[in-house]
Amino acid sequence: MNISVCIGSSCHQKSSYAIMKEIKYMINENGLDEIVTLQSAFCLGHCADGITIKINDEIITGVGMGNIEQVFKAKILDVCK
């Protein structure tokens, strides 16, 4: 599974680095290091929609610290386990 977190200027201003750090922590915590690749992306084209992540080919917008755990569980953890 490939995860990209936008770090373009709009997402960066909304703390996309904190989201990336949290995803990395949850990947490690759940033992998914071998099957999940986390990377940054300069722009995913949804600048007005909040922090954007891409999981494989699915774009998810409006990600923040308030919902990253739910997104991780539904879109990453439940799919990988």
N, C-alpha and C. Protein backbone atom coordinates (compact mmCIF):
# COMPACT_ATOMS: atom_id res chain seq x y z
N MET A 1 0.84 -1.16 0.00
CA MET A 1 0.00 0.00 0.00
C MET A 1 0.89 1.24 0.00
N ASN A 2 0.55 2.21 -0.82
CA ASN A 2 1.30 3.45 -0.92
C ASN A 2 0.46 4.61 -0.41
N ILE A 3 1.04 5.40 0.48
CA ILE A 3 0.37 6.56 1.03
C ILE A 3 1.22 7.78 0.73
N SER A 4 0.60 8.80 0.16
CA SER A 4 1.27 10.07 -0.10
C SER A 4 0.53 11.15 0.67
N VAL A 5 1.28 12.00 1.34
CA VAL A 5 0.72 13.13 2.07
C VAL A 5 1.19 14.40 1.38
N CYS A 6 0.23 15.25 1.03
CA CYS A 6 0.57 16.50 0.36
C CYS A 6 1.33 17.41 1.32
N ILE A 7 2.44 17.96 0.83
CA ILE A 7 3.20 18.94 1.61
C ILE A 7 3.33 20.24 0.83
N GLY A 8 2.46 20.42 -0.16
CA GLY A 8 2.43 21.68 -0.90
C GLY A 8 2.09 22.82 0.06
N SER A 9 2.23 24.05 -0.38
CA SER A 9 2.13 25.19 0.52
C SER A 9 0.81 25.26 1.28
N SER A 10 -0.31 24.97 0.65
CA SER A 10 -1.60 25.04 1.34
C SER A 10 -1.71 23.97 2.42
N CYS A 11 -1.36 22.74 2.09
CA CYS A 11 -1.42 21.66 3.08
C CYS A 11 -0.35 21.84 4.16
N HIS A 12 0.80 22.33 3.76
CA HIS A 12 1.88 22.58 4.72
C HIS A 12 1.42 23.57 5.79
N GLN A 13 0.73 24.62 5.38
CA GLN A 13 0.22 25.62 6.32
C GLN A 13 -0.83 25.03 7.26
N LYS A 14 -1.46 23.96 6.84
CA LYS A 14 -2.47 23.30 7.67
C LYS A 14 -1.89 22.14 8.47
N SER A 15 -0.57 22.07 8.56
CA SER A 15 0.15 21.08 9.38
C SER A 15 0.19 19.67 8.79
N SER A 16 0.41 19.59 7.49
CA SER A 16 0.51 18.26 6.87
C SER A 16 1.70 17.46 7.39
N TYR A 17 2.76 18.14 7.86
CA TYR A 17 3.89 17.40 8.42
C TYR A 17 3.49 16.68 9.71
N ALA A 18 2.59 17.29 10.50
CA ALA A 18 2.09 16.62 11.71
C ALA A 18 1.27 15.40 11.34
N ILE A 19 0.50 15.49 10.26
CA ILE A 19 -0.28 14.34 9.78
C ILE A 19 0.66 13.24 9.32
N MET A 20 1.68 13.61 8.60
CA MET A 20 2.64 12.61 8.13
C MET A 20 3.31 11.92 9.31
N LYS A 21 3.69 12.69 10.31
CA LYS A 21 4.32 12.12 11.51
C LYS A 21 3.37 11.17 12.22
N GLU A 22 2.10 11.53 12.31
CA GLU A 22 1.11 10.69 12.98
C GLU A 22 0.86 9.40 12.20
N ILE A 23 0.77 9.49 10.89
CA ILE A 23 0.60 8.29 10.07
C ILE A 23 1.80 7.36 10.24
N LYS A 24 3.00 7.93 10.22
CA LYS A 24 4.21 7.12 10.40
C LYS A 24 4.17 6.40 11.74
N TYR A 25 3.78 7.12 12.79
CA TYR A 25 3.67 6.52 14.12
C TYR A 25 2.66 5.35 14.11
N MET A 26 1.49 5.56 13.49
CA MET A 26 0.47 4.51 13.47
C MET A 26 0.89 3.32 12.62
N ILE A 27 1.62 3.56 11.55
CA ILE A 27 2.16 2.46 10.74
C ILE A 27 3.09 1.61 11.61
N ASN A 28 4.00 2.25 12.31
CA ASN A 28 4.94 1.54 13.17
C ASN A 28 4.23 0.83 14.31
N GLU A 29 3.28 1.51 14.96
CA GLU A 29 2.55 0.97 16.09
C GLU A 29 1.77 -0.29 15.72
N ASN A 30 1.31 -0.36 14.49
CA ASN A 30 0.49 -1.49 14.05
C ASN A 30 1.29 -2.52 13.24
N GLY A 31 2.61 -2.37 13.21
CA GLY A 31 3.46 -3.35 12.53
C GLY A 31 3.25 -3.43 11.03
N LEU A 32 2.96 -2.30 10.40
CA LEU A 32 2.68 -2.29 8.97
C LEU A 32 3.87 -1.81 8.14
N ASP A 33 5.03 -1.69 8.76
CA ASP A 33 6.22 -1.16 8.09
C ASP A 33 6.56 -1.88 6.79
N GLU A 34 6.33 -3.17 6.76
CA GLU A 34 6.72 -3.97 5.59
C GLU A 34 5.74 -3.86 4.43
N ILE A 35 4.50 -3.43 4.70
CA ILE A 35 3.50 -3.42 3.63
C ILE A 35 2.96 -2.04 3.28
N VAL A 36 3.34 -1.02 4.05
CA VAL A 36 2.87 0.34 3.79
C VAL A 36 4.08 1.25 3.54
N THR A 37 4.02 1.97 2.44
CA THR A 37 5.04 2.95 2.10
C THR A 37 4.46 4.34 2.26
N LEU A 38 5.12 5.17 3.05
CA LEU A 38 4.68 6.54 3.29
C LEU A 38 5.65 7.50 2.63
N GLN A 39 5.09 8.44 1.86
CA GLN A 39 5.93 9.42 1.19
C GLN A 39 5.21 10.76 1.13
N SER A 40 5.94 11.78 0.80
CA SER A 40 5.33 13.10 0.64
C SER A 40 5.07 13.34 -0.84
N ALA A 41 4.13 14.24 -1.10
CA ALA A 41 3.81 14.65 -2.47
C ALA A 41 3.74 16.16 -2.48
N PHE A 42 4.25 16.77 -3.53
CA PHE A 42 4.27 18.23 -3.55
C PHE A 42 2.88 18.83 -3.63
N CYS A 43 2.03 18.35 -4.50
CA CYS A 43 0.66 18.85 -4.59
C CYS A 43 -0.22 17.75 -5.17
N LEU A 44 -1.34 17.52 -4.53
CA LEU A 44 -2.29 16.51 -5.02
C LEU A 44 -3.51 17.16 -5.66
N GLY A 45 -3.49 18.49 -5.81
CA GLY A 45 -4.51 19.18 -6.59
C GLY A 45 -5.81 19.50 -5.88
N HIS A 46 -5.84 19.45 -4.58
CA HIS A 46 -7.07 19.74 -3.83
C HIS A 46 -6.80 20.79 -2.75
N CYS A 47 -6.13 21.84 -3.14
CA CYS A 47 -5.62 22.84 -2.19
C CYS A 47 -6.71 23.48 -1.32
N ALA A 48 -7.88 23.64 -1.83
CA ALA A 48 -8.97 24.30 -1.07
C ALA A 48 -9.70 23.34 -0.14
N ASP A 49 -9.36 22.06 -0.20
CA ASP A 49 -10.12 21.04 0.54
C ASP A 49 -9.44 20.56 1.81
N GLY A 50 -8.46 21.26 2.31
CA GLY A 50 -7.76 20.83 3.52
C GLY A 50 -6.63 19.89 3.16
N ILE A 51 -6.00 19.32 4.17
CA ILE A 51 -4.88 18.41 3.93
C ILE A 51 -5.37 17.21 3.12
N THR A 52 -4.61 16.90 2.10
CA THR A 52 -4.99 15.81 1.19
C THR A 52 -3.96 14.69 1.29
N ILE A 53 -4.47 13.47 1.35
CA ILE A 53 -3.61 12.29 1.26
C ILE A 53 -4.11 11.41 0.13
N LYS A 54 -3.22 10.61 -0.37
CA LYS A 54 -3.56 9.67 -1.43
C LYS A 54 -3.15 8.29 -0.95
N ILE A 55 -4.11 7.37 -0.93
CA ILE A 55 -3.85 5.99 -0.56
C ILE A 55 -4.06 5.15 -1.81
N ASN A 56 -2.96 4.61 -2.30
CA ASN A 56 -2.94 3.96 -3.61
C ASN A 56 -3.48 4.97 -4.62
N ASP A 57 -4.66 4.77 -5.18
CA ASP A 57 -5.21 5.71 -6.16
C ASP A 57 -6.37 6.54 -5.60
N GLU A 58 -6.68 6.38 -4.32
CA GLU A 58 -7.81 7.10 -3.72
C GLU A 58 -7.34 8.40 -3.05
N ILE A 59 -7.97 9.49 -3.45
CA ILE A 59 -7.68 10.80 -2.86
C ILE A 59 -8.63 11.02 -1.68
N ILE A 60 -8.07 11.44 -0.55
CA ILE A 60 -8.86 11.74 0.64
C ILE A 60 -8.53 13.16 1.05
N THR A 61 -9.54 14.01 1.14
CA THR A 61 -9.33 15.41 1.48
C THR A 61 -9.87 15.71 2.87
N GLY A 62 -9.49 16.86 3.39
CA GLY A 62 -10.00 17.30 4.68
C GLY A 62 -9.43 16.52 5.86
N VAL A 63 -8.24 15.98 5.70
CA VAL A 63 -7.63 15.21 6.77
C VAL A 63 -7.02 16.17 7.78
N GLY A 64 -7.18 15.87 9.05
CA GLY A 64 -6.62 16.69 10.11
C GLY A 64 -6.37 15.84 11.34
N MET A 65 -5.84 16.46 12.37
CA MET A 65 -5.55 15.72 13.60
C MET A 65 -6.84 15.19 14.24
N GLY A 66 -7.95 15.84 13.97
CA GLY A 66 -9.22 15.39 14.54
C GLY A 66 -9.80 14.14 13.90
N ASN A 67 -9.36 13.81 12.68
CA ASN A 67 -9.93 12.63 12.02
C ASN A 67 -8.89 11.66 11.47
N ILE A 68 -7.60 11.92 11.68
CA ILE A 68 -6.58 11.05 11.09
C ILE A 68 -6.67 9.63 11.64
N GLU A 69 -7.01 9.48 12.90
CA GLU A 69 -7.12 8.13 13.46
C GLU A 69 -8.25 7.35 12.78
N GLN A 70 -9.38 8.00 12.54
CA GLN A 70 -10.50 7.34 11.85
C GLN A 70 -10.13 7.00 10.41
N VAL A 71 -9.48 7.92 9.73
CA VAL A 71 -9.05 7.67 8.35
C VAL A 71 -8.07 6.51 8.31
N PHE A 72 -7.11 6.51 9.22
CA PHE A 72 -6.12 5.43 9.26
C PHE A 72 -6.80 4.08 9.48
N LYS A 73 -7.69 4.03 10.44
CA LYS A 73 -8.36 2.76 10.74
C LYS A 73 -9.18 2.27 9.55
N ALA A 74 -9.98 3.14 8.99
CA ALA A 74 -10.89 2.72 7.90
C ALA A 74 -10.17 2.46 6.59
N LYS A 75 -9.22 3.28 6.24
CA LYS A 75 -8.61 3.20 4.92
C LYS A 75 -7.29 2.46 4.86
N ILE A 76 -6.64 2.28 6.00
CA ILE A 76 -5.33 1.63 6.01
C ILE A 76 -5.35 0.36 6.86
N LEU A 77 -5.63 0.50 8.14
CA LEU A 77 -5.56 -0.63 9.06
C LEU A 77 -6.54 -1.72 8.68
N ASP A 78 -7.79 -1.38 8.46
CA ASP A 78 -8.80 -2.40 8.14
C ASP A 78 -8.52 -3.09 6.81
N VAL A 79 -7.88 -2.38 5.88
CA VAL A 79 -7.56 -2.96 4.57
C VAL A 79 -6.35 -3.90 4.69
N CYS A 80 -5.39 -3.53 5.52
CA CYS A 80 -4.15 -4.31 5.64
C CYS A 80 -4.28 -5.55 6.51
N LYS A 81 -5.23 -5.56 7.41
CA LYS A 81 -5.32 -6.69 8.35
C LYS A 81 -6.42 -7.62 8.01
